[in-house]
Amino acid sequence: MKEKGKGMFINKIQNLQCQGTHRVPWLTLGLTGLMIVLYLMTPFVFDELLFNRDAVIRGELWRFLTGHFVHCSFEHLFWDLAAFVILGTAVELNDRHALIPSLAWSCLAVSVWLLWGEGKWTTYCGLSGALNGLLVVAAMMLWRQTRQNMYVVVIFATVAKIIFEFTTHKTIFTSLSSQAVPSAHAAGVVIGALYVFKTEIRNFILDRFIVRKKAIMRQI
């Protein structure tokens, strides 16, 4: 089953390439390289880039975004990058212009939640919360392309995973030295769903506008 899913993903990427989509996900690779560089510079930049509630309140607003791109251990970095390369590639090869906005909104939503909604955590680092938003965006893009229900199942499985994390305070796939923050994962899923909804509304309006414009042109 795992090999079948992997094969379907590879075939999907190949099909997108044949359709003339960007062959190399440069944005995904660039951001991956950035996170590797930041990890190598951890002794010098970690404390300055980490999401820290007190520092944000003092006006260090860059931490809203930068905190998601620094990691506390190699294992933390490895699992985040493994997921990001897959999800980022899926989004970028479908719609290059959607990767940065969807990732940025997911990062900001998680940070806003940590600042005002989550009182337990004063510091946060890593991309896992935002990755949940990116997963929703990627899954819905692939579902629109293929109409395969497996992508909808992935979203429901992600929600089930978050519920499990809330109730057990444990992670399913990894056992990191840092503790998971289920509420950050939930915030990512919510903003990912909102981003998809916003995109669908925009596309609907544009489609209606195009249809109406064509109808007017026929009458002229």
N, C-alpha and C. Protein backbone atom coordinates (compact mmCIF):
# COMPACT_ATOMS: atom_id res chain seq x y z
N MET A 1 0.84 -1.21 0.00
CA MET A 1 0.00 0.00 0.00
C MET A 1 0.87 1.25 0.00
N LYS A 2 1.95 1.20 0.80
CA LYS A 2 2.85 2.33 0.87
C LYS A 2 3.52 2.56 -0.47
N GLU A 3 3.97 1.44 -1.13
CA GLU A 3 4.62 1.56 -2.43
C GLU A 3 3.65 2.06 -3.49
N LYS A 4 2.39 1.62 -3.40
CA LYS A 4 1.38 2.07 -4.35
C LYS A 4 1.16 3.57 -4.22
N GLY A 5 1.06 4.09 -2.97
CA GLY A 5 0.88 5.52 -2.75
C GLY A 5 2.07 6.30 -3.25
N LYS A 6 3.28 5.78 -3.01
CA LYS A 6 4.49 6.45 -3.49
C LYS A 6 4.50 6.51 -5.01
N GLY A 7 4.10 5.37 -5.64
CA GLY A 7 4.07 5.33 -7.10
C GLY A 7 3.07 6.31 -7.67
N MET A 8 1.92 6.45 -7.02
CA MET A 8 0.89 7.39 -7.49
C MET A 8 1.41 8.82 -7.40
N PHE A 9 2.15 9.14 -6.32
CA PHE A 9 2.68 10.50 -6.17
C PHE A 9 3.70 10.79 -7.27
N ILE A 10 4.60 9.81 -7.54
CA ILE A 10 5.61 9.99 -8.58
C ILE A 10 4.96 10.15 -9.94
N ASN A 11 3.93 9.32 -10.22
CA ASN A 11 3.23 9.44 -11.49
C ASN A 11 2.56 10.80 -11.63
N LYS A 12 2.02 11.31 -10.52
CA LYS A 12 1.38 12.62 -10.55
C LYS A 12 2.38 13.71 -10.90
N ILE A 13 3.56 13.65 -10.31
CA ILE A 13 4.60 14.63 -10.60
C ILE A 13 5.02 14.55 -12.06
N GLN A 14 5.16 13.32 -12.57
CA GLN A 14 5.55 13.15 -13.97
C GLN A 14 4.49 13.69 -14.91
N ASN A 15 3.22 13.46 -14.57
CA ASN A 15 2.13 13.98 -15.41
C ASN A 15 2.15 15.50 -15.46
N LEU A 16 2.40 16.13 -14.30
CA LEU A 16 2.46 17.59 -14.26
C LEU A 16 3.61 18.11 -15.10
N GLN A 17 4.73 17.39 -15.11
CA GLN A 17 5.86 17.80 -15.93
C GLN A 17 5.53 17.70 -17.40
N CYS A 18 4.84 16.63 -17.77
CA CYS A 18 4.46 16.45 -19.17
C CYS A 18 3.50 17.54 -19.63
N GLN A 19 2.72 18.09 -18.70
CA GLN A 19 1.77 19.14 -19.04
C GLN A 19 2.46 20.50 -19.14
N GLY A 20 3.78 20.52 -18.94
CA GLY A 20 4.52 21.77 -19.09
C GLY A 20 4.68 22.55 -17.79
N THR A 21 4.34 21.93 -16.66
CA THR A 21 4.49 22.61 -15.38
C THR A 21 5.98 22.68 -15.04
N HIS A 22 6.37 23.60 -14.16
CA HIS A 22 7.77 23.76 -13.79
C HIS A 22 8.35 22.41 -13.38
N ARG A 23 9.45 22.04 -14.00
CA ARG A 23 10.05 20.73 -13.76
C ARG A 23 10.76 20.67 -12.41
N VAL A 24 11.29 21.76 -11.98
CA VAL A 24 12.03 21.78 -10.72
C VAL A 24 11.32 22.71 -9.73
N PRO A 25 10.98 22.21 -8.55
CA PRO A 25 10.30 23.07 -7.54
C PRO A 25 11.31 23.97 -6.84
N TRP A 26 11.73 25.03 -7.53
CA TRP A 26 12.81 25.86 -7.03
C TRP A 26 12.47 26.53 -5.70
N LEU A 27 11.23 26.96 -5.53
CA LEU A 27 10.86 27.60 -4.28
C LEU A 27 10.98 26.63 -3.10
N THR A 28 10.50 25.42 -3.31
CA THR A 28 10.58 24.40 -2.26
C THR A 28 12.03 24.09 -1.92
N LEU A 29 12.85 23.92 -2.95
CA LEU A 29 14.26 23.62 -2.72
C LEU A 29 14.98 24.80 -2.07
N GLY A 30 14.62 26.02 -2.48
CA GLY A 30 15.24 27.20 -1.89
C GLY A 30 14.93 27.34 -0.42
N LEU A 31 13.67 27.14 -0.05
CA LEU A 31 13.29 27.22 1.36
C LEU A 31 13.90 26.09 2.16
N THR A 32 14.01 24.92 1.54
CA THR A 32 14.68 23.80 2.21
C THR A 32 16.13 24.15 2.51
N GLY A 33 16.81 24.72 1.52
CA GLY A 33 18.20 25.14 1.73
C GLY A 33 18.32 26.20 2.81
N LEU A 34 17.37 27.12 2.83
CA LEU A 34 17.38 28.17 3.86
C LEU A 34 17.29 27.57 5.25
N MET A 35 16.40 26.59 5.44
CA MET A 35 16.24 25.99 6.76
C MET A 35 17.49 25.21 7.17
N ILE A 36 18.15 24.59 6.19
CA ILE A 36 19.40 23.88 6.49
C ILE A 36 20.47 24.87 6.94
N VAL A 37 20.58 25.98 6.22
CA VAL A 37 21.57 27.01 6.57
C VAL A 37 21.29 27.56 7.97
N LEU A 38 20.02 27.85 8.26
CA LEU A 38 19.67 28.37 9.58
C LEU A 38 20.00 27.37 10.68
N TYR A 39 19.81 26.08 10.38
CA TYR A 39 20.15 25.08 11.39
C TYR A 39 21.65 25.04 11.64
N LEU A 40 22.44 25.14 10.55
CA LEU A 40 23.89 25.14 10.70
C LEU A 40 24.38 26.36 11.47
N MET A 41 23.57 27.43 11.44
CA MET A 41 23.92 28.66 12.16
C MET A 41 23.19 28.78 13.50
N THR A 42 22.67 27.66 13.99
CA THR A 42 21.87 27.67 15.22
C THR A 42 22.51 28.43 16.38
N PRO A 43 23.79 28.24 16.67
CA PRO A 43 24.36 28.97 17.83
C PRO A 43 24.28 30.48 17.71
N PHE A 44 24.20 30.97 16.46
CA PHE A 44 24.24 32.42 16.24
C PHE A 44 22.86 33.04 16.03
N VAL A 45 21.91 32.27 15.50
CA VAL A 45 20.64 32.87 15.10
C VAL A 45 19.41 32.32 15.83
N PHE A 46 19.54 31.18 16.48
CA PHE A 46 18.35 30.51 17.02
C PHE A 46 17.57 31.40 17.98
N ASP A 47 18.26 31.95 18.96
CA ASP A 47 17.58 32.76 19.97
C ASP A 47 16.98 34.04 19.39
N GLU A 48 17.56 34.53 18.30
CA GLU A 48 17.07 35.76 17.68
C GLU A 48 15.88 35.53 16.76
N LEU A 49 15.71 34.29 16.28
CA LEU A 49 14.65 33.99 15.31
C LEU A 49 13.51 33.17 15.90
N LEU A 50 13.77 32.49 16.99
CA LEU A 50 12.75 31.67 17.66
C LEU A 50 11.49 32.49 17.96
N PHE A 51 10.31 31.84 17.82
CA PHE A 51 9.09 32.53 18.26
C PHE A 51 9.12 32.59 19.78
N ASN A 52 9.10 33.80 20.29
CA ASN A 52 9.11 34.04 21.73
C ASN A 52 8.03 35.07 22.04
N ARG A 53 7.03 34.68 22.80
CA ARG A 53 5.88 35.56 23.02
C ARG A 53 6.29 36.89 23.64
N ASP A 54 7.13 36.85 24.64
CA ASP A 54 7.55 38.08 25.30
C ASP A 54 8.28 39.00 24.33
N ALA A 55 9.14 38.41 23.49
CA ALA A 55 9.90 39.22 22.53
C ALA A 55 8.97 39.82 21.48
N VAL A 56 7.98 39.05 21.04
CA VAL A 56 7.02 39.56 20.06
C VAL A 56 6.24 40.73 20.64
N ILE A 57 5.82 40.60 21.87
CA ILE A 57 5.08 41.69 22.54
C ILE A 57 5.95 42.94 22.65
N ARG A 58 7.26 42.74 22.79
CA ARG A 58 8.17 43.88 22.86
C ARG A 58 8.40 44.52 21.49
N GLY A 59 7.88 43.90 20.42
CA GLY A 59 7.99 44.50 19.10
C GLY A 59 8.83 43.74 18.10
N GLU A 60 9.36 42.58 18.47
CA GLU A 60 10.19 41.79 17.54
C GLU A 60 9.28 40.94 16.66
N LEU A 61 8.59 41.60 15.74
CA LEU A 61 7.53 40.97 14.97
C LEU A 61 8.03 39.97 13.94
N TRP A 62 9.30 40.03 13.58
CA TRP A 62 9.82 39.07 12.59
C TRP A 62 9.71 37.63 13.08
N ARG A 63 9.63 37.47 14.40
CA ARG A 63 9.54 36.13 14.97
C ARG A 63 8.24 35.42 14.59
N PHE A 64 7.21 36.19 14.16
CA PHE A 64 5.98 35.57 13.68
C PHE A 64 6.27 34.58 12.55
N LEU A 65 7.23 34.92 11.70
CA LEU A 65 7.58 34.06 10.57
C LEU A 65 8.85 33.25 10.82
N THR A 66 9.89 33.89 11.33
CA THR A 66 11.18 33.22 11.40
C THR A 66 11.19 32.04 12.37
N GLY A 67 10.33 32.07 13.38
CA GLY A 67 10.30 30.98 14.34
C GLY A 67 9.99 29.63 13.72
N HIS A 68 9.31 29.64 12.58
CA HIS A 68 8.92 28.39 11.93
C HIS A 68 10.05 27.79 11.11
N PHE A 69 11.11 28.55 10.88
CA PHE A 69 12.18 28.07 10.01
C PHE A 69 13.45 27.70 10.76
N VAL A 70 13.41 27.76 12.10
CA VAL A 70 14.54 27.30 12.91
C VAL A 70 14.10 26.06 13.68
N HIS A 71 15.07 25.19 13.99
CA HIS A 71 14.76 23.90 14.60
C HIS A 71 15.69 23.63 15.77
N CYS A 72 15.19 22.87 16.74
CA CYS A 72 15.93 22.68 17.98
C CYS A 72 16.86 21.47 17.94
N SER A 73 16.73 20.59 16.92
CA SER A 73 17.61 19.43 16.82
C SER A 73 17.65 18.96 15.37
N PHE A 74 18.62 18.12 15.07
CA PHE A 74 18.72 17.59 13.70
C PHE A 74 17.50 16.75 13.36
N GLU A 75 17.04 15.95 14.32
CA GLU A 75 15.86 15.10 14.08
C GLU A 75 14.64 15.97 13.78
N HIS A 76 14.48 17.04 14.54
CA HIS A 76 13.38 17.99 14.32
C HIS A 76 13.44 18.55 12.90
N LEU A 77 14.63 18.97 12.49
CA LEU A 77 14.83 19.50 11.14
C LEU A 77 14.55 18.44 10.09
N PHE A 78 15.05 17.24 10.28
CA PHE A 78 14.92 16.17 9.28
C PHE A 78 13.47 15.87 8.97
N TRP A 79 12.65 15.68 10.01
CA TRP A 79 11.25 15.31 9.78
C TRP A 79 10.45 16.46 9.18
N ASP A 80 10.75 17.67 9.59
CA ASP A 80 10.06 18.82 9.00
C ASP A 80 10.41 18.97 7.52
N LEU A 81 11.69 18.81 7.19
CA LEU A 81 12.11 18.95 5.80
C LEU A 81 11.58 17.81 4.93
N ALA A 82 11.55 16.61 5.48
CA ALA A 82 11.02 15.47 4.71
C ALA A 82 9.57 15.73 4.29
N ALA A 83 8.78 16.23 5.24
CA ALA A 83 7.38 16.54 4.93
C ALA A 83 7.27 17.74 4.01
N PHE A 84 8.09 18.76 4.25
CA PHE A 84 8.00 19.98 3.45
C PHE A 84 8.37 19.75 2.00
N VAL A 85 9.40 18.96 1.75
CA VAL A 85 9.80 18.68 0.37
C VAL A 85 8.67 18.02 -0.41
N ILE A 86 7.98 17.07 0.22
CA ILE A 86 6.88 16.38 -0.44
C ILE A 86 5.70 17.32 -0.67
N LEU A 87 5.27 18.00 0.39
CA LEU A 87 4.10 18.87 0.29
C LEU A 87 4.39 20.10 -0.55
N GLY A 88 5.55 20.70 -0.34
CA GLY A 88 5.91 21.88 -1.11
C GLY A 88 6.00 21.57 -2.60
N THR A 89 6.56 20.42 -2.95
CA THR A 89 6.65 20.03 -4.35
C THR A 89 5.27 19.83 -4.95
N ALA A 90 4.39 19.16 -4.20
CA ALA A 90 3.03 18.93 -4.69
C ALA A 90 2.31 20.25 -4.97
N VAL A 91 2.43 21.21 -4.05
CA VAL A 91 1.77 22.50 -4.24
C VAL A 91 2.42 23.28 -5.38
N GLU A 92 3.75 23.34 -5.38
CA GLU A 92 4.44 24.17 -6.37
C GLU A 92 4.25 23.67 -7.79
N LEU A 93 4.26 22.35 -7.98
CA LEU A 93 4.09 21.82 -9.33
C LEU A 93 2.65 21.96 -9.83
N ASN A 94 1.71 22.14 -8.92
CA ASN A 94 0.32 22.42 -9.30
C ASN A 94 0.11 23.90 -9.55
N ASP A 95 0.61 24.72 -8.63
CA ASP A 95 0.42 26.17 -8.74
C ASP A 95 1.58 26.86 -8.03
N ARG A 96 2.56 27.27 -8.82
CA ARG A 96 3.77 27.88 -8.26
C ARG A 96 3.45 29.08 -7.38
N HIS A 97 2.40 29.83 -7.75
CA HIS A 97 2.08 31.06 -7.03
C HIS A 97 1.35 30.80 -5.72
N ALA A 98 0.98 29.55 -5.45
CA ALA A 98 0.23 29.25 -4.23
C ALA A 98 1.12 28.86 -3.07
N LEU A 99 2.36 28.46 -3.34
CA LEU A 99 3.20 27.93 -2.27
C LEU A 99 3.51 28.97 -1.20
N ILE A 100 4.05 30.11 -1.60
CA ILE A 100 4.45 31.12 -0.62
C ILE A 100 3.26 31.67 0.16
N PRO A 101 2.15 32.06 -0.51
CA PRO A 101 1.00 32.56 0.27
C PRO A 101 0.44 31.54 1.25
N SER A 102 0.26 30.29 0.80
CA SER A 102 -0.32 29.28 1.69
C SER A 102 0.60 28.99 2.86
N LEU A 103 1.91 28.93 2.60
CA LEU A 103 2.86 28.68 3.68
C LEU A 103 2.93 29.87 4.64
N ALA A 104 2.95 31.08 4.09
CA ALA A 104 3.02 32.28 4.93
C ALA A 104 1.79 32.41 5.82
N TRP A 105 0.60 32.22 5.23
CA TRP A 105 -0.63 32.31 6.02
C TRP A 105 -0.66 31.25 7.12
N SER A 106 -0.17 30.05 6.82
CA SER A 106 -0.14 28.99 7.83
C SER A 106 0.81 29.36 8.97
N CYS A 107 1.99 29.88 8.61
CA CYS A 107 2.94 30.30 9.65
C CYS A 107 2.35 31.40 10.53
N LEU A 108 1.76 32.40 9.90
CA LEU A 108 1.20 33.53 10.65
C LEU A 108 0.04 33.09 11.53
N ALA A 109 -0.81 32.19 11.01
CA ALA A 109 -1.96 31.72 11.79
C ALA A 109 -1.50 30.98 13.04
N VAL A 110 -0.49 30.13 12.90
CA VAL A 110 0.04 29.41 14.06
C VAL A 110 0.62 30.39 15.07
N SER A 111 1.38 31.37 14.59
CA SER A 111 1.98 32.36 15.49
C SER A 111 0.93 33.18 16.22
N VAL A 112 -0.09 33.61 15.49
CA VAL A 112 -1.17 34.38 16.12
C VAL A 112 -1.86 33.55 17.19
N TRP A 113 -2.09 32.28 16.90
CA TRP A 113 -2.72 31.41 17.89
C TRP A 113 -1.82 31.25 19.13
N LEU A 114 -0.53 31.07 18.90
CA LEU A 114 0.39 30.93 20.03
C LEU A 114 0.46 32.21 20.87
N LEU A 115 0.28 33.35 20.21
CA LEU A 115 0.37 34.63 20.91
C LEU A 115 -0.87 34.92 21.75
N TRP A 116 -2.06 34.67 21.17
CA TRP A 116 -3.30 35.07 21.84
C TRP A 116 -4.19 33.91 22.29
N GLY A 117 -4.07 32.77 21.64
CA GLY A 117 -5.00 31.69 21.95
C GLY A 117 -4.44 30.59 22.82
N GLU A 118 -3.15 30.40 22.76
CA GLU A 118 -2.49 29.32 23.49
C GLU A 118 -1.63 29.89 24.61
N GLY A 119 -2.09 29.73 25.84
CA GLY A 119 -1.38 30.33 26.96
C GLY A 119 -0.25 29.48 27.51
N LYS A 120 -0.19 28.22 27.10
CA LYS A 120 0.77 27.29 27.70
C LYS A 120 2.18 27.50 27.17
N TRP A 121 2.29 27.82 25.87
CA TRP A 121 3.60 27.86 25.24
C TRP A 121 4.08 29.30 25.05
N THR A 122 5.24 29.59 25.58
CA THR A 122 5.80 30.93 25.42
C THR A 122 6.85 30.97 24.31
N THR A 123 7.40 29.81 23.94
CA THR A 123 8.34 29.73 22.83
C THR A 123 7.92 28.61 21.90
N TYR A 124 8.33 28.73 20.64
CA TYR A 124 7.94 27.73 19.64
C TYR A 124 8.92 27.80 18.48
N CYS A 125 9.25 26.65 17.91
CA CYS A 125 10.07 26.63 16.71
C CYS A 125 9.66 25.43 15.86
N GLY A 126 10.00 25.49 14.59
CA GLY A 126 9.71 24.37 13.70
C GLY A 126 8.52 24.63 12.80
N LEU A 127 8.43 23.82 11.75
CA LEU A 127 7.46 24.03 10.68
C LEU A 127 6.23 23.13 10.79
N SER A 128 6.17 22.29 11.81
CA SER A 128 5.13 21.26 11.84
C SER A 128 3.72 21.84 11.83
N GLY A 129 3.48 22.93 12.56
CA GLY A 129 2.15 23.52 12.56
C GLY A 129 1.75 24.01 11.19
N ALA A 130 2.64 24.76 10.54
CA ALA A 130 2.36 25.27 9.20
C ALA A 130 2.25 24.15 8.18
N LEU A 131 2.98 23.05 8.38
CA LEU A 131 2.92 21.93 7.46
C LEU A 131 1.53 21.31 7.39
N ASN A 132 0.80 21.38 8.50
CA ASN A 132 -0.56 20.85 8.49
C ASN A 132 -1.46 21.67 7.56
N GLY A 133 -1.23 22.99 7.53
CA GLY A 133 -1.96 23.83 6.58
C GLY A 133 -1.57 23.53 5.16
N LEU A 134 -0.27 23.35 4.92
CA LEU A 134 0.22 23.04 3.58
C LEU A 134 -0.30 21.69 3.11
N LEU A 135 -0.45 20.75 4.04
CA LEU A 135 -0.98 19.43 3.70
C LEU A 135 -2.41 19.55 3.17
N VAL A 136 -3.23 20.35 3.83
CA VAL A 136 -4.61 20.53 3.38
C VAL A 136 -4.64 21.12 1.98
N VAL A 137 -3.81 22.14 1.74
CA VAL A 137 -3.76 22.79 0.43
C VAL A 137 -3.30 21.80 -0.63
N ALA A 138 -2.24 21.04 -0.35
CA ALA A 138 -1.71 20.07 -1.32
C ALA A 138 -2.73 18.97 -1.61
N ALA A 139 -3.37 18.46 -0.55
CA ALA A 139 -4.34 17.38 -0.74
C ALA A 139 -5.52 17.83 -1.59
N MET A 140 -6.01 19.04 -1.35
CA MET A 140 -7.15 19.53 -2.13
C MET A 140 -6.76 19.83 -3.57
N MET A 141 -5.54 20.31 -3.78
CA MET A 141 -5.06 20.53 -5.16
C MET A 141 -5.03 19.21 -5.93
N LEU A 142 -4.46 18.17 -5.29
CA LEU A 142 -4.35 16.87 -5.94
C LEU A 142 -5.73 16.24 -6.13
N TRP A 143 -6.63 16.47 -5.18
CA TRP A 143 -7.99 15.94 -5.33
C TRP A 143 -8.69 16.59 -6.52
N ARG A 144 -8.53 17.91 -6.68
CA ARG A 144 -9.15 18.59 -7.82
C ARG A 144 -8.58 18.07 -9.14
N GLN A 145 -7.31 17.70 -9.14
CA GLN A 145 -6.67 17.21 -10.35
C GLN A 145 -7.12 15.80 -10.70
N THR A 146 -7.28 14.95 -9.68
CA THR A 146 -7.48 13.52 -9.92
C THR A 146 -8.86 13.01 -9.50
N ARG A 147 -9.53 13.73 -8.59
CA ARG A 147 -10.80 13.29 -8.00
C ARG A 147 -10.66 11.95 -7.30
N GLN A 148 -9.48 11.66 -6.79
CA GLN A 148 -9.25 10.43 -6.04
C GLN A 148 -9.52 10.67 -4.56
N ASN A 149 -10.34 9.82 -3.98
CA ASN A 149 -10.78 10.02 -2.60
C ASN A 149 -9.66 9.86 -1.58
N MET A 150 -8.55 9.27 -2.00
CA MET A 150 -7.45 9.06 -1.05
C MET A 150 -6.95 10.38 -0.47
N TYR A 151 -7.06 11.46 -1.26
CA TYR A 151 -6.58 12.75 -0.78
C TYR A 151 -7.52 13.34 0.28
N VAL A 152 -8.80 13.07 0.16
CA VAL A 152 -9.75 13.48 1.19
C VAL A 152 -9.51 12.67 2.46
N VAL A 153 -9.21 11.38 2.28
CA VAL A 153 -8.90 10.52 3.42
C VAL A 153 -7.68 11.04 4.17
N VAL A 154 -6.69 11.55 3.44
CA VAL A 154 -5.49 12.10 4.06
C VAL A 154 -5.85 13.25 4.99
N ILE A 155 -6.77 14.12 4.56
CA ILE A 155 -7.17 15.25 5.40
C ILE A 155 -7.87 14.77 6.66
N PHE A 156 -8.80 13.81 6.52
CA PHE A 156 -9.49 13.29 7.70
C PHE A 156 -8.51 12.56 8.63
N ALA A 157 -7.52 11.87 8.05
CA ALA A 157 -6.52 11.19 8.88
C ALA A 157 -5.68 12.21 9.65
N THR A 158 -5.41 13.35 9.02
CA THR A 158 -4.65 14.41 9.70
C THR A 158 -5.44 14.96 10.89
N VAL A 159 -6.74 15.18 10.68
CA VAL A 159 -7.59 15.65 11.78
C VAL A 159 -7.62 14.62 12.91
N ALA A 160 -7.71 13.34 12.54
CA ALA A 160 -7.72 12.27 13.56
C ALA A 160 -6.40 12.25 14.32
N LYS A 161 -5.29 12.49 13.61
CA LYS A 161 -3.97 12.52 14.26
C LYS A 161 -3.90 13.64 15.28
N ILE A 162 -4.44 14.80 14.93
CA ILE A 162 -4.41 15.94 15.84
C ILE A 162 -5.26 15.66 17.08
N ILE A 163 -6.41 15.04 16.88
CA ILE A 163 -7.26 14.67 18.02
C ILE A 163 -6.52 13.70 18.94
N PHE A 164 -5.81 12.74 18.32
CA PHE A 164 -5.01 11.80 19.10
C PHE A 164 -3.95 12.54 19.92
N GLU A 165 -3.29 13.52 19.29
CA GLU A 165 -2.26 14.29 19.98
C GLU A 165 -2.84 15.08 21.15
N PHE A 166 -4.04 15.64 20.94
CA PHE A 166 -4.70 16.39 22.01
C PHE A 166 -5.00 15.50 23.21
N THR A 167 -5.47 14.30 22.92
CA THR A 167 -5.95 13.43 24.01
C THR A 167 -4.83 12.66 24.69
N THR A 168 -3.75 12.36 23.99
CA THR A 168 -2.67 11.54 24.56
C THR A 168 -1.40 12.33 24.85
N HIS A 169 -1.29 13.54 24.27
CA HIS A 169 -0.08 14.36 24.40
C HIS A 169 1.14 13.63 23.84
N LYS A 170 0.91 12.79 22.81
CA LYS A 170 1.98 12.06 22.14
C LYS A 170 1.87 12.27 20.63
N THR A 171 2.99 12.04 19.93
CA THR A 171 2.96 12.09 18.47
C THR A 171 2.89 10.67 17.92
N ILE A 172 2.38 10.56 16.70
CA ILE A 172 2.21 9.23 16.09
C ILE A 172 3.45 8.78 15.33
N PHE A 173 3.96 9.66 14.48
CA PHE A 173 5.00 9.25 13.54
C PHE A 173 6.42 9.40 14.08
N THR A 174 6.64 10.33 14.98
CA THR A 174 7.99 10.55 15.49
C THR A 174 7.96 10.69 16.99
N SER A 175 9.13 10.55 17.59
CA SER A 175 9.28 10.77 19.03
C SER A 175 10.45 11.72 19.24
N LEU A 176 10.13 13.02 19.20
CA LEU A 176 11.17 14.04 19.29
C LEU A 176 11.44 14.41 20.73
N SER A 177 12.62 14.99 20.93
CA SER A 177 12.95 15.47 22.27
C SER A 177 12.09 16.67 22.64
N SER A 178 11.68 17.45 21.62
CA SER A 178 10.78 18.58 21.86
C SER A 178 9.33 18.09 21.87
N GLN A 179 8.49 18.73 22.64
CA GLN A 179 7.10 18.30 22.77
C GLN A 179 6.24 18.87 21.65
N ALA A 180 5.34 18.03 21.14
CA ALA A 180 4.43 18.47 20.08
C ALA A 180 3.43 19.48 20.63
N VAL A 181 2.95 20.36 19.76
CA VAL A 181 1.96 21.37 20.14
C VAL A 181 0.72 21.14 19.27
N PRO A 182 -0.20 20.29 19.72
CA PRO A 182 -1.36 19.94 18.89
C PRO A 182 -2.19 21.14 18.47
N SER A 183 -2.31 22.14 19.33
CA SER A 183 -3.12 23.30 18.98
C SER A 183 -2.51 24.05 17.80
N ALA A 184 -1.17 24.05 17.68
CA ALA A 184 -0.52 24.67 16.53
C ALA A 184 -0.82 23.88 15.26
N HIS A 185 -0.86 22.56 15.36
CA HIS A 185 -1.20 21.73 14.22
C HIS A 185 -2.65 21.98 13.79
N ALA A 186 -3.53 22.12 14.78
CA ALA A 186 -4.93 22.40 14.48
C ALA A 186 -5.09 23.76 13.81
N ALA A 187 -4.35 24.75 14.29
CA ALA A 187 -4.41 26.08 13.67
C ALA A 187 -3.96 26.01 12.22
N GLY A 188 -2.94 25.20 11.95
CA GLY A 188 -2.48 25.03 10.58
C GLY A 188 -3.54 24.43 9.68
N VAL A 189 -4.23 23.41 10.17
CA VAL A 189 -5.30 22.77 9.38
C VAL A 189 -6.42 23.76 9.09
N VAL A 190 -6.81 24.54 10.09
CA VAL A 190 -7.90 25.50 9.92
C VAL A 190 -7.54 26.54 8.86
N ILE A 191 -6.34 27.11 8.95
CA ILE A 191 -5.98 28.15 7.98
C ILE A 191 -5.77 27.55 6.60
N GLY A 192 -5.31 26.30 6.53
CA GLY A 192 -5.20 25.64 5.24
C GLY A 192 -6.55 25.47 4.58
N ALA A 193 -7.55 25.08 5.38
CA ALA A 193 -8.90 24.93 4.85
C ALA A 193 -9.47 26.28 4.41
N LEU A 194 -9.20 27.32 5.19
CA LEU A 194 -9.68 28.66 4.82
C LEU A 194 -9.01 29.15 3.54
N TYR A 195 -7.73 28.83 3.37
CA TYR A 195 -7.03 29.23 2.15
C TYR A 195 -7.64 28.53 0.93
N VAL A 196 -7.94 27.24 1.08
CA VAL A 196 -8.57 26.50 -0.02
C VAL A 196 -9.94 27.09 -0.34
N PHE A 197 -10.71 27.41 0.70
CA PHE A 197 -12.04 27.98 0.51
C PHE A 197 -11.95 29.32 -0.21
N LYS A 198 -10.98 30.15 0.22
CA LYS A 198 -10.79 31.45 -0.43
C LYS A 198 -10.43 31.29 -1.90
N THR A 199 -9.59 30.32 -2.18
CA THR A 199 -9.18 30.07 -3.56
C THR A 199 -10.37 29.60 -4.41
N GLU A 200 -11.20 28.74 -3.83
CA GLU A 200 -12.37 28.24 -4.56
C GLU A 200 -13.34 29.38 -4.87
N ILE A 201 -13.55 30.26 -3.89
CA ILE A 201 -14.44 31.40 -4.12
C ILE A 201 -13.89 32.30 -5.22
N ARG A 202 -12.59 32.58 -5.16
CA ARG A 202 -11.96 33.42 -6.19
C ARG A 202 -12.09 32.80 -7.57
N ASN A 203 -11.83 31.50 -7.66
CA ASN A 203 -11.93 30.83 -8.96
C ASN A 203 -13.36 30.82 -9.48
N PHE A 204 -14.32 30.67 -8.56
CA PHE A 204 -15.73 30.67 -8.95
C PHE A 204 -16.12 32.03 -9.53
N ILE A 205 -15.69 33.09 -8.85
CA ILE A 205 -16.02 34.44 -9.32
C ILE A 205 -15.35 34.71 -10.67
N LEU A 206 -14.10 34.31 -10.80
CA LEU A 206 -13.39 34.52 -12.07
C LEU A 206 -14.04 33.74 -13.20
N ASP A 207 -14.44 32.51 -12.92
CA ASP A 207 -15.10 31.70 -13.94
C ASP A 207 -16.41 32.34 -14.38
N ARG A 208 -17.18 32.81 -13.42
CA ARG A 208 -18.45 33.46 -13.77
C ARG A 208 -18.21 34.72 -14.59
N PHE A 209 -17.17 35.48 -14.23
CA PHE A 209 -16.84 36.70 -14.95
C PHE A 209 -16.44 36.39 -16.39
N ILE A 210 -15.63 35.33 -16.57
CA ILE A 210 -15.19 34.95 -17.91
C ILE A 210 -16.36 34.49 -18.76
N VAL A 211 -17.24 33.68 -18.16
CA VAL A 211 -18.41 33.20 -18.89
C VAL A 211 -19.30 34.37 -19.31
N ARG A 212 -19.50 35.30 -18.39
CA ARG A 212 -20.34 36.46 -18.70
C ARG A 212 -19.70 37.34 -19.77
N LYS A 213 -18.38 37.49 -19.71
CA LYS A 213 -17.68 38.31 -20.70
C LYS A 213 -17.79 37.67 -22.07
N LYS A 214 -17.67 36.36 -22.15
CA LYS A 214 -17.79 35.67 -23.44
C LYS A 214 -19.20 35.82 -23.99
N ALA A 215 -20.21 35.76 -23.10
CA ALA A 215 -21.58 35.89 -23.54
C ALA A 215 -21.83 37.28 -24.11
N ILE A 216 -21.24 38.30 -23.47
CA ILE A 216 -21.40 39.68 -23.95
C ILE A 216 -20.70 39.85 -25.29
N MET A 217 -19.54 39.23 -25.45
CA MET A 217 -18.79 39.34 -26.70
C MET A 217 -19.54 38.70 -27.85
N ARG A 218 -20.28 37.63 -27.57
CA ARG A 218 -21.06 37.00 -28.63
C ARG A 218 -22.20 37.88 -29.11
N GLN A 219 -22.71 38.72 -28.19
CA GLN A 219 -23.85 39.57 -28.54
C GLN A 219 -23.43 40.82 -29.31
N ILE A 220 -22.15 41.12 -29.29
CA ILE A 220 -21.67 42.33 -29.97
C ILE A 220 -21.53 42.06 -31.48
